Amino acid sequence: MAASAAAPASGPGGLPVMTVSMNGKVISVGGTLKSGAERIVFKVTSEAAGAPTFVKLDPGVSLSQFFAAIPAASQDPNNLYGIAQIVMSTEADKGTSSVYLNLTPGTYVALDLATAATTPPYTVFTVWPSHHPAAMPKAGATISSREFGFTGATKIYDGQTVQWANAGFVVHMIQGIEAPNLATAKKIAALLKAGNDNAAAALATGEYGWDGALSHGESFESVVTQKPGYWVIACFMDTQDGREHTTLGMEKVIQILK
């Protein structure tokens, strides 16, 4: 499934470009596959939204070892530690969108986790060392996950480049839940804290998965294009004893400004 897609030589700021094409059944990777900062351009067709995810194999780990670990990882992504790192995972709506990611040399697996299939669409690619690796764009703000909460900006801007990072030791996510106003955003956060996810969802007016999952120490950047207003960021991962991270404090109200 390692089909190649064409890509322009460079993106904004002269960054090299990698393309990731998804249609719900197949995912393909093309363009520049060298270390350093790259603009990762997602092209999604035939599905409302893809969930592109890059997993980098640890040194010495074989593909067969990685695929043998998938069942356990699907139950708890922390089971990938010692085998692979989740270096990028986000929502990519139908059409074209992009993120910025600093790639290091090694073997990667690209997956589209938007499907409910037991084996999601995937492809394997290698990132080769670059003699002159590009630097990441300077982010205007950073939002980081940790045990058990979020740090960083509480106000971000439409069109701003934001770094999404995991400063914690276990896998976290940063899911955005849109609210119609500040009062409702606070109610949503309180309901998530209490474990009432369904009641919180009933108050939401939209959502977006800025960060679908990241391993310890990983980060990437994207340009905010979501509707200005109040949002609740949340991590819906579970602890080993089954407690949702939201109930431990991983819910926070932020504001997107014009």
Protein backbone atom coordinates (compact mmCIF):
# COMPACT_ATOMS: atom_id res chain seq x y z
CA MET A 1 0.00 0.00 0.00
CA ALA A 2 3.00 2.31 -0.31
CA ALA A 3 1.69 4.28 -3.27
CA SER A 4 3.33 7.64 -3.91
CA ALA A 5 1.57 10.95 -4.46
CA ALA A 6 3.06 13.94 -6.22
CA ALA A 7 3.95 17.02 -4.16
CA PRO A 8 5.38 20.48 -4.74
CA ALA A 9 9.07 20.87 -3.92
CA SER A 10 8.49 23.35 -1.12
CA GLY A 11 5.77 25.02 0.89
CA PRO A 12 5.44 28.37 2.71
CA GLY A 13 8.75 29.62 4.05
CA GLY A 14 10.63 27.27 1.75
CA LEU A 15 9.76 24.19 3.80
CA PRO A 16 9.82 20.85 1.97
CA VAL A 17 6.39 19.28 1.49
CA MET A 18 5.12 15.77 2.11
CA THR A 19 1.66 14.80 0.83
CA VAL A 20 -0.69 12.36 2.53
CA SER A 21 -3.71 11.29 0.46
CA MET A 22 -6.66 9.47 2.06
CA ASN A 23 -10.02 8.21 0.82
CA GLY A 24 -11.19 6.04 3.71
CA LYS A 25 -9.80 2.87 2.14
CA VAL A 26 -6.24 3.74 1.14
CA ILE A 27 -3.61 6.14 2.45
CA SER A 28 -0.56 7.12 0.41
CA VAL A 29 2.51 9.23 1.15
CA GLY A 30 4.65 11.17 -1.30
CA GLY A 31 6.81 14.23 -1.74
CA THR A 32 9.94 14.99 0.26
CA LEU A 33 10.81 12.27 2.77
CA LYS A 34 13.85 13.78 4.48
CA SER A 35 14.58 14.79 8.05
CA GLY A 36 13.83 18.25 9.37
CA ALA A 37 10.75 20.43 9.40
CA GLU A 38 8.17 19.67 6.71
CA ARG A 39 4.74 20.89 5.78
CA ILE A 40 2.53 17.80 5.75
CA VAL A 41 -0.31 18.39 3.27
CA PHE A 42 -3.41 16.21 3.69
CA LYS A 43 -5.65 15.53 0.70
CA VAL A 44 -8.90 13.85 1.78
CA THR A 45 -11.50 12.48 -0.62
CA SER A 46 -14.47 10.12 -0.28
CA GLU A 47 -14.69 10.56 3.52
CA ALA A 48 -15.94 13.48 5.60
CA ALA A 49 -12.69 13.63 7.54
CA GLY A 50 -9.52 11.59 7.82
CA ALA A 51 -7.52 10.98 10.98
CA PRO A 52 -3.93 10.89 9.72
CA THR A 53 -1.51 9.49 12.27
CA PHE A 54 2.26 9.04 12.01
CA VAL A 55 3.91 6.40 14.17
CA LYS A 56 7.72 6.13 14.22
CA LEU A 57 9.23 2.76 14.99
CA ASP A 58 11.85 2.67 17.72
CA PRO A 59 15.38 1.70 16.59
CA GLY A 60 15.69 -2.05 16.06
CA VAL A 61 11.93 -2.67 16.03
CA SER A 62 10.66 -4.60 13.00
CA LEU A 63 7.41 -3.99 11.17
CA SER A 64 6.19 -7.43 12.26
CA GLN A 65 6.76 -6.45 15.91
CA PHE A 66 4.83 -3.22 15.39
CA PHE A 67 1.86 -4.91 13.74
CA ALA A 68 1.83 -7.59 16.44
CA ALA A 69 1.46 -4.78 19.00
CA ILE A 70 -1.52 -3.11 17.28
CA PRO A 71 -4.27 -5.08 19.13
CA ALA A 72 -2.84 -4.07 22.51
CA ALA A 73 -2.25 -0.50 21.31
CA SER A 74 -5.86 -0.21 20.15
CA GLN A 75 -6.91 -0.89 23.74
CA ASP A 76 -4.30 1.44 25.23
CA PRO A 77 -1.89 3.46 23.05
CA ASN A 78 0.61 3.46 25.92
CA ASN A 79 1.26 -0.17 24.98
CA LEU A 80 3.30 1.19 22.06
CA TYR A 81 6.04 2.45 24.38
CA GLY A 82 9.23 0.51 23.70
CA ILE A 83 7.98 -0.24 20.18
CA ALA A 84 7.01 3.06 18.56
CA GLN A 85 6.16 6.71 19.18
CA ILE A 86 3.02 8.52 18.01
CA VAL A 87 4.59 11.65 16.54
CA MET A 88 1.53 13.23 14.90
CA SER A 89 -2.21 12.63 14.85
CA THR A 90 -4.89 15.11 13.87
CA GLU A 91 -8.19 15.66 12.11
CA ALA A 92 -8.06 16.36 8.38
CA ASP A 93 -11.41 17.41 6.96
CA LYS A 94 -12.41 16.59 3.40
CA GLY A 95 -10.35 18.70 1.01
CA THR A 96 -6.86 20.01 1.68
CA SER A 97 -5.30 20.93 5.02
CA SER A 98 -1.84 20.76 6.58
CA VAL A 99 0.35 20.65 9.67
CA TYR A 100 4.05 21.24 10.36
CA LEU A 101 6.14 18.41 11.74
CA ASN A 102 9.82 17.95 12.52
CA LEU A 103 10.77 14.53 11.13
CA THR A 104 13.76 12.54 12.32
CA PRO A 105 15.34 9.73 10.27
CA GLY A 106 13.70 6.33 10.61
CA THR A 107 10.83 4.06 9.63
CA TYR A 108 7.29 5.37 9.94
CA VAL A 109 3.80 3.97 9.55
CA ALA A 110 1.09 6.37 8.34
CA LEU A 111 -2.46 5.35 9.28
CA ASP A 112 -5.93 6.79 8.73
CA LEU A 113 -7.70 6.10 12.02
CA ALA A 114 -11.01 7.63 10.92
CA THR A 115 -12.28 4.24 9.82
CA ALA A 116 -13.80 1.69 12.20
CA ALA A 117 -12.05 -1.14 10.36
CA THR A 118 -10.06 -3.59 12.49
CA THR A 119 -7.04 -2.87 10.30
CA PRO A 120 -7.09 0.81 9.28
CA PRO A 121 -5.60 1.97 5.98
CA TYR A 122 -1.84 2.26 6.35
CA THR A 123 1.39 2.66 4.47
CA VAL A 124 5.04 2.44 5.50
CA PHE A 125 7.63 5.07 4.57
CA THR A 126 11.23 5.92 5.42
CA VAL A 127 12.55 9.36 6.33
CA TRP A 128 16.15 9.78 5.21
CA PRO A 129 18.73 12.10 6.78
CA SER A 130 18.95 15.58 5.27
CA HIS A 131 22.25 17.41 4.97
CA HIS A 132 20.45 20.69 5.61
CA PRO A 133 17.30 19.99 7.68
CA ALA A 134 14.78 22.84 7.74
CA ALA A 135 13.75 24.48 11.01
CA MET A 136 10.17 24.48 12.26
CA PRO A 137 8.15 27.69 11.85
CA LYS A 138 7.95 29.77 15.01
CA ALA A 139 4.63 29.05 16.69
CA GLY A 140 2.59 31.96 17.98
CA ALA A 141 1.32 29.88 20.92
CA THR A 142 1.73 26.47 22.52
CA ILE A 143 -0.81 24.23 24.24
CA SER A 144 0.65 21.22 26.05
CA SER A 145 -0.91 18.18 27.70
CA ARG A 146 0.48 16.57 30.85
CA GLU A 147 -0.65 14.52 33.85
CA PHE A 148 -3.38 15.64 34.34
CA GLY A 149 -4.15 18.96 32.75
CA PHE A 150 -3.16 21.47 30.09
CA THR A 151 -0.60 24.26 30.12
CA GLY A 152 0.08 27.12 27.73
CA ALA A 153 -2.14 29.58 25.93
CA THR A 154 -5.76 30.15 26.95
CA LYS A 155 -6.33 32.53 24.04
CA ILE A 156 -5.35 31.66 20.47
CA TYR A 157 -6.15 33.42 17.21
CA ASP A 158 -7.77 32.50 13.92
CA GLY A 159 -4.87 32.12 11.47
CA GLN A 160 -2.27 31.67 14.22
CA THR A 161 0.27 28.82 14.14
CA VAL A 162 -0.12 26.79 17.34
CA GLN A 163 2.15 24.08 18.65
CA TRP A 164 0.35 21.05 20.12
CA ALA A 165 2.61 19.13 22.50
CA ASN A 166 2.64 16.31 25.02
CA ALA A 167 4.79 17.21 28.02
CA GLY A 168 3.45 14.27 30.01
CA PHE A 169 4.68 10.72 30.40
CA VAL A 170 1.64 8.90 28.99
CA VAL A 171 -0.22 9.35 25.71
CA HIS A 172 -2.59 12.33 25.64
CA MET A 173 -4.89 14.03 23.15
CA ILE A 174 -6.19 17.60 22.73
CA GLN A 175 -9.79 17.49 21.49
CA GLY A 176 -11.60 20.79 20.94
CA ILE A 177 -15.30 21.10 21.85
CA GLU A 178 -17.05 24.23 20.61
CA ALA A 179 -19.49 26.07 22.90
CA PRO A 180 -21.94 28.85 22.02
CA ASN A 181 -20.74 31.10 24.86
CA LEU A 182 -18.46 31.22 27.92
CA ALA A 183 -21.14 30.11 30.38
CA THR A 184 -21.90 27.00 28.34
CA ALA A 185 -18.19 26.27 27.90
CA LYS A 186 -17.82 26.27 31.69
CA LYS A 187 -20.81 23.92 31.99
CA ILE A 188 -19.29 21.55 29.42
CA ALA A 189 -15.99 21.53 31.33
CA ALA A 190 -17.79 20.81 34.60
CA LEU A 191 -19.80 17.98 33.07
CA LEU A 192 -16.65 16.41 31.63
CA LYS A 193 -14.97 16.69 35.02
CA ALA A 194 -17.97 14.87 36.53
CA GLY A 195 -17.81 12.14 33.89
CA ASN A 196 -21.06 13.18 32.19
CA ASP A 197 -19.78 13.06 28.60
CA ASN A 198 -23.21 12.66 26.98
CA ALA A 199 -24.62 15.72 28.75
CA ALA A 200 -21.52 17.70 27.74
CA ALA A 201 -21.88 16.62 24.11
CA ALA A 202 -25.51 17.77 24.09
CA LEU A 203 -24.37 21.33 24.84
CA ALA A 204 -21.61 21.41 22.21
CA THR A 205 -22.05 23.18 18.88
CA GLY A 206 -19.06 21.55 17.17
CA GLU A 207 -15.75 19.81 17.72
CA TYR A 208 -12.32 19.43 16.19
CA GLY A 209 -9.45 17.04 16.90
CA TRP A 210 -6.40 19.29 16.94
CA ASP A 211 -4.29 16.52 18.48
CA GLY A 212 -5.64 12.98 18.17
CA ALA A 213 -2.85 11.38 20.22
CA LEU A 214 0.79 12.09 20.99
CA SER A 215 3.44 10.10 22.80
CA HIS A 216 5.68 11.57 25.49
CA GLY A 217 7.79 14.50 24.29
CA GLU A 218 6.23 14.76 20.82
CA SER A 219 4.74 17.87 19.19
CA PHE A 220 3.58 19.36 15.88
CA GLU A 221 2.11 22.64 14.67
CA SER A 222 -0.98 23.69 12.75
CA VAL A 223 -2.69 26.91 11.71
CA VAL A 224 -5.93 27.57 13.58
CA THR A 225 -8.87 27.83 11.19
CA GLN A 226 -11.70 26.99 13.57
CA LYS A 227 -14.57 29.33 14.40
CA PRO A 228 -13.72 32.12 16.88
CA GLY A 229 -15.44 31.75 20.23
CA TYR A 230 -15.19 29.61 23.34
CA TRP A 231 -13.91 26.06 23.19
CA VAL A 232 -13.19 23.36 25.76
CA ILE A 233 -10.04 21.32 25.23
CA ALA A 234 -10.15 17.81 26.65
CA CYS A 235 -8.28 14.52 26.78
CA PHE A 236 -10.53 11.45 26.55
CA MET A 237 -7.79 8.88 27.05
CA ASP A 238 -8.25 6.39 29.90
CA THR A 239 -5.98 5.48 32.78
CA GLN A 240 -5.03 1.84 33.29
CA ASP A 241 -7.83 1.54 35.86
CA GLY A 242 -10.39 2.91 33.40
CA ARG A 243 -10.75 6.53 34.53
CA GLU A 244 -11.13 9.06 31.74
CA HIS A 245 -8.47 11.75 31.85
CA THR A 246 -11.19 14.43 31.78
CA THR A 247 -12.31 13.33 35.24
CA LEU A 248 -8.77 13.89 36.53
CA GLY A 249 -8.58 17.50 35.36
CA MET A 250 -7.89 17.33 31.64
CA GLU A 251 -10.54 19.79 30.56
CA LYS A 252 -9.99 23.53 30.08
CA VAL A 253 -11.82 26.48 28.55
CA ILE A 254 -9.93 28.42 25.88
CA GLN A 255 -10.94 31.20 23.51
CA ILE A 256 -10.29 31.59 19.80
CA LEU A 257 -10.13 35.24 18.79
CA LYS A 258 -10.32 36.86 15.36
